[in-house]
Amino acid sequence: MNQAVTVAAPLARQEQGPRRRALAPLEPVSARTRVALGVGFFVLFFAVWAFFTLGGFVSPTFLASPITMAKEGWLLFTEFGFLHDIGMTVWRVLGGFIMAAVVAVPLGIAMGAHKGVEAFLEPFVSFCRYLPASAFIPLLILWAGLGELQKLLVIFIGSVFQIILMVAVTVGNARKDLVEAAYTLGATPAGIVRRVLIPGAAPDIAETLRLVLGWAWTYVIVAELIGSASGIGHMITDSQALLNTGQIIFGIIVIGVIGLVSDMCFKAVNRRLFAWSAL
């Protein structure tokens, strides 16, 4: 009897092993499982949404059903030129984000590499980082009018200070042994920045830009809510006035889809450019 129990115990542990490993912290999952779990959540989300809206638990005035949302989305594309709105919003996001990156990345590298520059700029940048970009809209309308420049500047202000500080922290966390080794080999201070700090921080700088690009989408919608004649945010504002929750939800979902696609593209480019960083 005791021998049978002794043999059965390891077998039971072997059967529970895969299940236990699947629930273990930081245990990786296969690519197929990751996709299945991600798709499964969206299926569950839409199922719950359909249950409450189609079942009559929520008034259509407050929340349209998935079917109504899909019909309204089709009307937006076929009758209201929604593709133009999407194009304008994407252009504003990319334009403002690129402006911010061009200014912020060099400043962040300078702050991370040189403590004097950090002492000079860090208090001001930290102060500005907590200012909401939407608070600048009245001033930007006075300075730049209601045109495209005003919307680009909203995204620029909302992104540039975040990028500067995050890049500075990334560059400042460089391995000191690599810096000392470069000095031993005769590198100059400029060479240290160019050949040690920037290459070492490049993967994390790219990841920082990917994260801030997601924030830029929140700023562009805020910019388009005021004084705009095109864009997804403009469409959402018009739909709110008409109590058309189907179009509002469709616009929100379109923003999420575009953001998800851009995030995946950013990740793919980063993996291709910095494949060595994963080694």
Protein backbone atom coordinates (compact mmCIF):
# COMPACT_ATOMS: atom_id res chain seq x y z
CA MET A 1 0.00 0.00 0.00
CA ASN A 2 2.74 2.43 0.94
CA GLN A 3 4.67 1.50 -2.21
CA ALA A 4 1.65 2.31 -4.41
CA VAL A 5 1.26 5.68 -2.74
CA THR A 6 4.97 6.36 -3.21
CA VAL A 7 4.72 5.62 -6.95
CA ALA A 8 1.49 7.58 -7.42
CA ALA A 9 2.81 10.74 -5.77
CA PRO A 10 5.47 11.52 -8.41
CA LEU A 11 2.95 10.74 -11.17
CA ALA A 12 0.48 13.19 -9.64
CA ARG A 13 3.20 15.82 -9.42
CA GLN A 14 4.10 15.22 -13.09
CA GLU A 15 0.46 15.66 -14.13
CA GLN A 16 0.19 18.88 -12.12
CA GLY A 17 3.54 20.14 -13.40
CA PRO A 18 2.37 21.82 -16.65
CA ARG A 19 -0.60 23.39 -14.86
CA ARG A 20 1.62 24.63 -12.04
CA ARG A 21 4.18 26.02 -14.51
CA ALA A 22 1.44 27.83 -16.45
CA LEU A 23 0.42 29.67 -13.27
CA ALA A 24 3.98 30.37 -12.13
CA PRO A 25 5.05 34.05 -12.00
CA LEU A 26 7.06 35.23 -15.02
CA GLU A 27 6.57 31.91 -16.78
CA PRO A 28 6.56 32.57 -20.57
CA VAL A 29 3.74 31.39 -22.80
CA SER A 30 3.89 30.32 -26.42
CA ALA A 31 3.06 32.72 -29.23
CA ARG A 32 -0.06 30.71 -30.09
CA THR A 33 -1.30 30.83 -26.49
CA ARG A 34 -0.64 34.56 -26.30
CA VAL A 35 -2.69 35.22 -29.43
CA ALA A 36 -5.50 32.95 -28.25
CA LEU A 37 -5.70 34.65 -24.88
CA GLY A 38 -5.63 38.13 -26.44
CA VAL A 39 -8.38 37.30 -28.92
CA GLY A 40 -10.35 35.55 -26.18
CA PHE A 41 -10.54 38.69 -24.09
CA PHE A 42 -11.94 40.70 -27.02
CA VAL A 43 -14.52 37.97 -27.67
CA LEU A 44 -15.55 38.02 -24.01
CA PHE A 45 -15.71 41.83 -24.00
CA PHE A 46 -18.00 41.99 -27.04
CA ALA A 47 -20.13 39.14 -25.70
CA VAL A 48 -20.76 40.98 -22.43
CA TRP A 49 -21.43 44.20 -24.32
CA ALA A 50 -23.92 42.46 -26.62
CA PHE A 51 -25.63 40.75 -23.69
CA PHE A 52 -26.38 43.98 -21.85
CA THR A 53 -27.32 46.08 -24.90
CA LEU A 54 -29.21 43.56 -27.02
CA GLY A 55 -30.86 42.13 -23.90
CA GLY A 56 -32.40 45.51 -23.09
CA PHE A 57 -30.52 46.03 -19.83
CA VAL A 58 -29.02 49.33 -21.07
CA SER A 59 -30.83 52.06 -23.00
CA PRO A 60 -29.56 52.59 -26.59
CA THR A 61 -29.39 56.31 -25.79
CA PHE A 62 -26.56 55.64 -23.37
CA LEU A 63 -24.85 52.69 -25.04
CA ALA A 64 -25.37 51.39 -28.56
CA SER A 65 -25.17 47.68 -29.27
CA PRO A 66 -22.30 46.16 -31.27
CA ILE A 67 -24.63 45.71 -34.24
CA THR A 68 -25.76 49.35 -34.16
CA MET A 69 -22.15 50.46 -33.76
CA ALA A 70 -21.13 48.46 -36.84
CA LYS A 71 -23.97 49.96 -38.90
CA GLU A 72 -23.06 53.49 -37.83
CA GLY A 73 -19.42 52.80 -38.66
CA TRP A 74 -20.38 51.69 -42.15
CA LEU A 75 -22.36 54.90 -42.62
CA LEU A 76 -19.37 56.95 -41.47
CA PHE A 77 -17.19 55.42 -44.18
CA THR A 78 -19.75 55.40 -46.99
CA GLU A 79 -21.60 58.69 -46.43
CA PHE A 80 -19.56 60.97 -44.16
CA GLY A 81 -15.99 60.64 -45.44
CA PHE A 82 -14.58 59.13 -42.27
CA LEU A 83 -11.41 58.05 -44.06
CA HIS A 84 -10.48 61.72 -44.41
CA ASP A 85 -11.01 62.21 -40.66
CA ILE A 86 -8.78 59.23 -39.91
CA GLY A 87 -6.09 60.52 -42.25
CA MET A 88 -6.12 63.97 -40.64
CA THR A 89 -5.85 62.54 -37.14
CA VAL A 90 -2.99 60.22 -38.07
CA TRP A 91 -1.16 63.10 -39.74
CA ARG A 92 -1.54 65.26 -36.63
CA VAL A 93 -0.31 62.52 -34.32
CA LEU A 94 2.73 61.72 -36.42
CA GLY A 95 3.53 65.38 -37.11
CA GLY A 96 3.41 66.48 -33.48
CA PHE A 97 5.16 63.34 -32.26
CA ILE A 98 8.03 63.65 -34.75
CA MET A 99 8.48 67.32 -33.82
CA ALA A 100 8.69 66.34 -30.15
CA ALA A 101 11.12 63.47 -30.80
CA VAL A 102 13.46 65.63 -32.90
CA VAL A 103 13.72 68.16 -30.06
CA ALA A 104 13.52 65.83 -27.06
CA VAL A 105 15.91 62.99 -27.94
CA PRO A 106 19.04 65.18 -28.32
CA LEU A 107 18.16 67.15 -25.18
CA GLY A 108 17.54 63.93 -23.25
CA ILE A 109 20.87 62.49 -24.39
CA ALA A 110 22.65 65.71 -23.35
CA MET A 111 20.96 65.65 -19.93
CA GLY A 112 21.78 62.00 -19.34
CA ALA A 113 25.38 62.31 -20.46
CA HIS A 114 26.34 65.61 -18.81
CA LYS A 115 25.38 66.33 -15.21
CA GLY A 116 25.77 70.08 -15.72
CA VAL A 117 23.18 70.06 -18.49
CA GLU A 118 20.93 67.94 -16.29
CA ALA A 119 21.23 70.40 -13.39
CA PHE A 120 20.38 73.26 -15.73
CA LEU A 121 17.39 71.73 -17.53
CA GLU A 122 15.92 69.10 -15.21
CA PRO A 123 13.97 71.44 -12.85
CA PHE A 124 12.26 73.22 -15.75
CA VAL A 125 11.52 70.01 -17.66
CA SER A 126 10.13 68.34 -14.52
CA PHE A 127 7.95 71.39 -13.88
CA CYS A 128 6.57 71.36 -17.44
CA ARG A 129 6.02 67.61 -17.40
CA TYR A 130 3.17 68.01 -14.91
CA LEU A 131 1.37 70.68 -16.89
CA PRO A 132 -1.58 69.19 -18.85
CA ALA A 133 -1.32 69.81 -22.56
CA SER A 134 -5.03 70.68 -22.69
CA ALA A 135 -4.37 73.71 -20.45
CA PHE A 136 -2.33 75.28 -23.25
CA ILE A 137 -5.12 75.09 -25.84
CA PRO A 138 -6.55 78.59 -25.16
CA LEU A 139 -3.09 80.12 -25.45
CA LEU A 140 -2.24 78.09 -28.54
CA ILE A 141 -5.45 79.20 -30.22
CA LEU A 142 -4.45 82.82 -29.53
CA TRP A 143 -0.91 82.28 -30.79
CA ALA A 144 -1.46 79.88 -33.70
CA GLY A 145 -5.18 80.15 -34.50
CA LEU A 146 -7.40 77.17 -35.16
CA GLY A 147 -5.29 75.65 -37.93
CA GLU A 148 -3.09 72.59 -38.00
CA LEU A 149 -0.19 74.24 -36.16
CA GLN A 150 -2.26 74.60 -33.01
CA LYS A 151 -3.08 70.88 -32.96
CA LEU A 152 0.51 69.88 -33.68
CA LEU A 153 1.70 72.07 -30.82
CA VAL A 154 -0.72 70.44 -28.38
CA ILE A 155 0.79 67.03 -29.20
CA PHE A 156 4.29 68.51 -29.11
CA ILE A 157 3.81 70.00 -25.63
CA GLY A 158 2.20 66.83 -24.32
CA SER A 159 5.05 64.62 -25.58
CA VAL A 160 8.32 66.56 -25.58
CA PHE A 161 8.92 66.86 -21.83
CA GLN A 162 8.04 63.23 -21.18
CA ILE A 163 10.51 62.07 -23.83
CA ILE A 164 13.29 64.35 -22.54
CA LEU A 165 13.17 62.98 -18.99
CA MET A 166 12.76 59.34 -19.99
CA VAL A 167 15.65 59.50 -22.45
CA ALA A 168 17.81 61.30 -19.87
CA VAL A 169 17.18 58.57 -17.30
CA THR A 170 17.94 55.86 -19.87
CA VAL A 171 21.24 57.43 -20.95
CA GLY A 172 22.23 58.23 -17.37
CA ASN A 173 21.86 54.56 -16.37
CA ALA A 174 24.66 53.47 -18.72
CA ARG A 175 27.10 50.89 -17.40
CA LYS A 176 30.03 52.67 -15.80
CA ASP A 177 32.44 49.82 -16.58
CA LEU A 178 31.87 50.32 -20.31
CA VAL A 179 32.56 54.03 -19.95
CA GLU A 180 35.77 53.39 -17.99
CA ALA A 181 36.88 50.80 -20.52
CA ALA A 182 36.35 53.27 -23.36
CA TYR A 183 38.43 55.88 -21.53
CA THR A 184 41.16 53.28 -21.02
CA LEU A 185 41.20 52.66 -24.75
CA GLY A 186 41.69 56.36 -25.40
CA ALA A 187 38.15 57.55 -26.16
CA THR A 188 37.35 61.25 -25.87
CA PRO A 189 34.28 62.58 -23.99
CA ALA A 190 32.50 63.13 -27.32
CA GLY A 191 33.47 59.62 -28.37
CA ILE A 192 32.04 58.22 -25.14
CA VAL A 193 28.67 59.78 -25.93
CA ARG A 194 28.74 58.79 -29.58
CA ARG A 195 30.12 55.26 -29.31
CA VAL A 196 29.11 54.07 -25.83
CA LEU A 197 26.15 55.95 -24.37
CA ILE A 198 24.00 56.37 -27.48
CA PRO A 199 24.40 52.79 -28.83
CA GLY A 200 23.84 51.34 -25.37
CA ALA A 201 20.70 53.39 -24.74
CA ALA A 202 19.27 53.16 -28.28
CA PRO A 203 16.93 50.16 -27.66
CA ASP A 204 15.45 51.77 -24.54
CA ILE A 205 15.14 55.15 -26.29
CA ALA A 206 13.18 53.44 -29.07
CA GLU A 207 10.96 51.80 -26.45
CA THR A 208 10.41 55.20 -24.83
CA LEU A 209 9.29 56.64 -28.16
CA ARG A 210 6.89 53.73 -28.62
CA LEU A 211 5.28 54.40 -25.25
CA VAL A 212 4.98 58.16 -25.75
CA LEU A 213 3.43 57.65 -29.19
CA GLY A 214 0.50 56.05 -27.37
CA TRP A 215 0.15 59.13 -25.17
CA ALA A 216 0.18 61.37 -28.25
CA TRP A 217 -3.14 59.85 -29.31
CA THR A 218 -4.80 61.18 -26.16
CA TYR A 219 -3.49 64.66 -26.85
CA VAL A 220 -4.69 64.76 -30.46
CA ILE A 221 -8.25 63.88 -29.50
CA VAL A 222 -8.25 66.68 -26.93
CA ALA A 223 -6.90 69.09 -29.58
CA GLU A 224 -9.60 68.06 -32.04
CA LEU A 225 -12.43 68.55 -29.59
CA ILE A 226 -12.01 72.33 -29.79
CA GLY A 227 -12.09 74.38 -32.97
CA SER A 228 -11.61 71.51 -35.41
CA ALA A 229 -13.45 70.82 -38.66
CA SER A 230 -12.00 67.35 -39.26
CA GLY A 231 -10.52 64.39 -37.44
CA ILE A 232 -11.79 61.57 -35.26
CA GLY A 233 -12.17 63.86 -32.26
CA HIS A 234 -14.28 66.25 -34.33
CA MET A 235 -16.51 63.36 -35.41
CA ILE A 236 -16.92 62.24 -31.80
CA THR A 237 -17.94 65.75 -30.75
CA ASP A 238 -20.55 65.97 -33.52
CA SER A 239 -21.89 62.52 -32.62
CA GLN A 240 -22.22 63.55 -28.97
CA ALA A 241 -24.42 66.51 -29.97
CA LEU A 242 -26.68 64.05 -31.83
CA LEU A 243 -26.62 61.47 -28.98
CA ASN A 244 -25.28 58.94 -31.49
CA THR A 245 -23.40 56.60 -29.17
CA GLY A 246 -22.85 54.14 -32.00
CA GLN A 247 -20.63 56.57 -33.89
CA ILE A 248 -18.88 57.66 -30.68
CA ILE A 249 -18.00 54.08 -29.80
CA PHE A 250 -16.94 53.33 -33.36
CA GLY A 251 -14.59 56.32 -33.33
CA ILE A 252 -13.08 55.17 -30.04
CA ILE A 253 -12.58 51.65 -31.39
CA VAL A 254 -10.94 53.00 -34.56
CA ILE A 255 -8.48 54.95 -32.40
CA GLY A 256 -7.69 51.79 -30.45
CA VAL A 257 -7.19 49.72 -33.60
CA ILE A 258 -4.88 52.30 -35.19
CA GLY A 259 -2.94 52.60 -31.94
CA LEU A 260 -2.61 48.82 -31.64
CA VAL A 261 -1.38 48.50 -35.23
CA SER A 262 1.12 51.33 -34.81
CA ASP A 263 2.36 49.80 -31.56
CA MET A 264 2.89 46.41 -33.21
CA CYS A 265 4.73 48.06 -36.12
CA PHE A 266 6.92 49.99 -33.69
CA LYS A 267 7.76 46.78 -31.83
CA ALA A 268 8.61 44.97 -35.07
CA VAL A 269 10.92 47.79 -36.20
CA ASN A 270 12.61 47.89 -32.79
CA ARG A 271 13.20 44.14 -32.86
CA ARG A 272 14.70 44.41 -36.35
CA LEU A 273 16.93 47.39 -35.53
CA PHE A 274 18.06 46.22 -32.10
CA ALA A 275 17.99 42.44 -32.38
CA TRP A 276 21.29 42.29 -30.49
CA SER A 277 19.68 43.85 -27.37
CA ALA A 278 17.66 40.68 -26.72
CA LEU A 279 20.76 38.51 -26.65
